[in-house]
């Protein structure tokens, strides 16, 4: 089994994430709590890159990390790139074998980051793409539920995010657990 790393509120900045990625623990890590670390907008990109090294990760907390809209968008781009790299790597088995089929995050805490619609909508679209793709490609790979709980409290979300969440609940049958 894997372990966890909880370092909330310790002044870890986005610059500290790059050296952390070379640690040998990432492939087995299942719990990562970076809550209240000063990751800022660039932190979303760094955390997204980190996910490529942590295929077993099931819990990720970035609560109160100051991601804001730019950080949410950067995290979404990293997640989308990571998943698309896996999805379209059928002709490149060596690349496909080098990464586990997507991160298996089940609990994602992004509360208190002031993402707004500009940060939350791209994140939700990346998550929805992943969940939808899993359903469509279930013949070639087992269906993996990705996000069971998504915490978006205190993010100044607006109508665009609400519409997307409502759409996701309708498509998913209401059992996704956004909350």
Protein backbone atom coordinates (compact mmCIF):
# COMPACT_ATOMS: atom_id res chain seq x y z
CA UNK A 1 0.00 0.00 0.00
CA UNK A 2 0.91 3.62 -0.38
CA UNK A 3 1.33 6.36 2.11
CA UNK A 4 0.39 9.94 2.56
CA UNK A 5 1.98 13.33 2.86
CA UNK A 6 0.24 16.05 4.86
CA UNK A 7 2.05 19.39 4.95
CA UNK A 8 -0.76 21.94 5.22
CA UNK A 9 0.01 25.53 6.18
CA UNK A 10 3.76 25.17 5.96
CA UNK A 11 4.63 27.91 3.51
CA UNK A 12 5.34 25.44 0.70
CA UNK A 13 5.26 27.54 -2.46
CA UNK A 14 4.96 26.51 -6.08
CA UNK A 15 8.77 26.77 -6.40
CA UNK A 16 9.16 24.00 -3.82
CA UNK A 17 6.98 21.58 -5.77
CA UNK A 18 9.49 20.97 -8.58
CA UNK A 19 12.19 19.50 -6.29
CA UNK A 20 9.52 17.49 -4.47
CA UNK A 21 8.59 15.75 -7.73
CA UNK A 22 11.89 13.87 -7.80
CA UNK A 23 11.11 12.13 -4.50
CA UNK A 24 10.82 8.34 -4.91
CA UNK A 25 7.55 8.19 -2.93
CA UNK A 26 5.27 9.65 -5.64
CA UNK A 27 4.29 6.44 -7.48
CA UNK A 28 2.89 4.96 -4.25
CA UNK A 29 1.47 8.12 -2.69
CA UNK A 30 -2.29 7.93 -2.10
CA UNK A 31 -2.90 11.03 0.06
CA UNK A 32 -1.49 14.52 -0.52
CA UNK A 33 -2.57 17.50 1.57
CA UNK A 34 -1.09 20.84 0.53
CA UNK A 35 -3.89 22.90 2.11
CA UNK A 36 -3.05 26.48 3.05
CA UNK A 37 0.30 26.37 1.28
CA UNK A 38 1.09 29.47 -0.76
CA UNK A 39 0.94 27.85 -4.18
CA UNK A 40 -0.66 30.81 -5.94
CA UNK A 41 -1.76 30.83 -9.57
CA UNK A 42 1.35 29.00 -10.83
CA UNK A 43 0.74 26.27 -8.27
CA UNK A 44 -2.04 24.77 -10.39
CA UNK A 45 0.40 24.01 -13.19
CA UNK A 46 2.96 22.53 -10.79
CA UNK A 47 0.37 20.34 -9.06
CA UNK A 48 -0.89 19.15 -12.45
CA UNK A 49 2.65 18.14 -13.41
CA UNK A 50 3.05 16.43 -10.05
CA UNK A 51 0.01 14.24 -10.79
CA UNK A 52 1.95 12.60 -13.62
CA UNK A 53 4.33 11.25 -10.98
CA UNK A 54 1.58 10.13 -8.57
CA UNK A 55 -0.67 7.65 -10.40
CA UNK A 56 -1.94 6.08 -7.15
CA UNK A 57 -3.11 9.37 -5.63
CA UNK A 58 -6.70 9.13 -4.36
CA UNK A 59 -6.94 12.24 -2.14
CA UNK A 60 -5.69 15.69 -3.06
CA UNK A 61 -6.37 18.78 -0.96
CA UNK A 62 -5.45 22.21 -2.23
CA UNK A 63 -7.80 24.08 0.10
CA UNK A 64 -6.87 27.72 0.57
CA UNK A 65 -3.78 27.63 -1.66
CA UNK A 66 -4.55 30.88 -3.49
CA UNK A 67 -4.95 29.22 -6.89
CA UNK A 68 -7.50 31.76 -8.16
CA UNK A 69 -8.81 31.61 -11.74
CA UNK A 70 -5.39 31.30 -13.40
CA UNK A 71 -4.37 28.44 -11.08
CA UNK A 72 -7.63 26.59 -11.68
CA UNK A 73 -7.22 26.95 -15.44
CA UNK A 74 -3.60 25.79 -15.27
CA UNK A 75 -4.57 22.76 -13.18
CA UNK A 76 -7.33 21.97 -15.69
CA UNK A 77 -4.91 22.18 -18.62
CA UNK A 78 -2.48 19.85 -16.87
CA UNK A 79 -5.21 17.35 -16.04
CA UNK A 80 -6.59 17.53 -19.57
CA UNK A 81 -3.13 17.13 -21.13
CA UNK A 82 -2.32 14.19 -18.87
CA UNK A 83 -5.56 12.40 -19.67
CA UNK A 84 -5.41 13.16 -23.40
CA UNK A 85 -1.81 11.89 -23.50
CA UNK A 86 -3.04 8.59 -22.16
CA UNK A 87 -6.15 8.46 -24.33
CA UNK A 88 -4.33 9.05 -27.60
CA UNK A 89 -1.24 6.99 -26.81
CA UNK A 90 -2.61 3.72 -28.21
CA UNK A 91 -0.05 3.81 -31.04
CA UNK A 92 2.79 4.51 -28.62
CA UNK A 93 2.83 1.57 -26.20
CA UNK A 94 6.10 2.55 -24.57
CA UNK A 95 4.67 5.94 -23.60
CA UNK A 96 1.37 4.42 -22.56
CA UNK A 97 3.13 1.87 -20.37
CA UNK A 98 5.24 4.57 -18.75
CA UNK A 99 2.21 6.26 -17.22
CA UNK A 100 -0.62 4.66 -15.34
CA UNK A 101 -4.01 5.23 -17.01
CA UNK A 102 -4.74 8.57 -15.45
CA UNK A 103 -4.68 9.70 -11.91
CA UNK A 104 -7.27 7.94 -9.78
CA UNK A 105 -8.14 10.88 -7.57
CA UNK A 106 -11.42 10.25 -5.80
CA UNK A 107 -11.49 13.22 -3.41
CA UNK A 108 -10.43 16.63 -4.68
CA UNK A 109 -10.62 19.56 -2.26
CA UNK A 110 -10.31 22.94 -3.96
CA UNK A 111 -12.24 24.95 -1.35
CA UNK A 112 -11.31 28.56 -0.60
CA UNK A 113 -9.28 29.29 -3.73
CA UNK A 114 -11.42 32.03 -5.33
CA UNK A 115 -11.45 30.12 -8.62
CA UNK A 116 -14.52 31.90 -9.95
CA UNK A 117 -16.10 30.66 -13.16
CA UNK A 118 -12.88 31.29 -15.12
CA UNK A 119 -11.02 28.74 -12.98
CA UNK A 120 -13.80 26.31 -12.04
CA UNK A 121 -15.36 25.80 -15.48
CA UNK A 122 -12.14 24.52 -17.14
CA UNK A 123 -11.53 22.22 -14.16
CA UNK A 124 -15.04 20.82 -14.31
CA UNK A 125 -14.75 20.35 -18.07
CA UNK A 126 -11.52 18.37 -17.61
CA UNK A 127 -13.16 16.22 -14.93
CA UNK A 128 -16.29 15.67 -17.02
CA UNK A 129 -14.20 14.76 -20.07
CA UNK A 130 -12.38 12.18 -17.98
CA UNK A 131 -15.55 10.67 -16.56
CA UNK A 132 -17.30 10.62 -19.96
CA UNK A 133 -14.26 9.15 -21.68
CA UNK A 134 -14.10 6.38 -19.10
CA UNK A 135 -17.68 5.44 -19.95
CA UNK A 136 -17.08 5.44 -23.70
CA UNK A 137 -13.81 3.52 -23.57
CA UNK A 138 -14.89 0.90 -21.05
CA UNK A 139 -14.37 -1.87 -23.63
CA UNK A 140 -10.61 -1.36 -23.66
CA UNK A 141 -10.11 -0.39 -20.02
CA UNK A 142 -12.03 -0.89 -16.80
CA UNK A 143 -14.26 2.01 -15.88
CA UNK A 144 -12.62 3.98 -13.11
CA UNK A 145 -14.63 6.46 -11.12
CA UNK A 146 -12.39 9.46 -10.90
CA UNK A 147 -13.95 12.08 -8.65
CA UNK A 148 -16.30 10.86 -5.94
CA UNK A 149 -16.17 14.09 -3.93
CA UNK A 150 -15.34 17.54 -5.23
CA UNK A 151 -15.21 20.40 -2.73
CA UNK A 152 -15.59 23.84 -4.31
CA UNK A 153 -16.74 25.81 -1.25
CA UNK A 154 -15.91 29.52 -1.11
CA UNK A 155 -14.70 29.92 -4.68
CA UNK A 156 -16.92 32.79 -5.89
CA UNK A 157 -18.63 30.50 -8.38
CA UNK A 158 -21.26 31.91 -10.70
CA UNK A 159 -23.91 30.87 -13.20
CA UNK A 160 -21.53 29.20 -15.68
CA UNK A 161 -20.21 26.81 -13.02
CA UNK A 162 -23.71 26.14 -11.69
CA UNK A 163 -24.96 25.26 -15.20
CA UNK A 164 -22.04 22.90 -15.76
CA UNK A 165 -22.55 21.20 -12.39
CA UNK A 166 -26.26 20.79 -13.10
CA UNK A 167 -25.47 19.31 -16.50
CA UNK A 168 -22.98 16.89 -14.93
CA UNK A 169 -25.51 15.75 -12.36
CA UNK A 170 -28.09 15.11 -15.10
CA UNK A 171 -25.63 13.13 -17.25
CA UNK A 172 -24.23 11.22 -14.29
CA UNK A 173 -27.59 10.38 -12.81
CA UNK A 174 -27.06 12.64 -9.82
CA UNK A 175 -24.65 10.32 -8.02
CA UNK A 176 -21.33 12.06 -8.64
CA UNK A 177 -20.99 13.76 -5.29
CA UNK A 178 -20.11 17.33 -6.15
CA UNK A 179 -20.13 19.00 -2.82
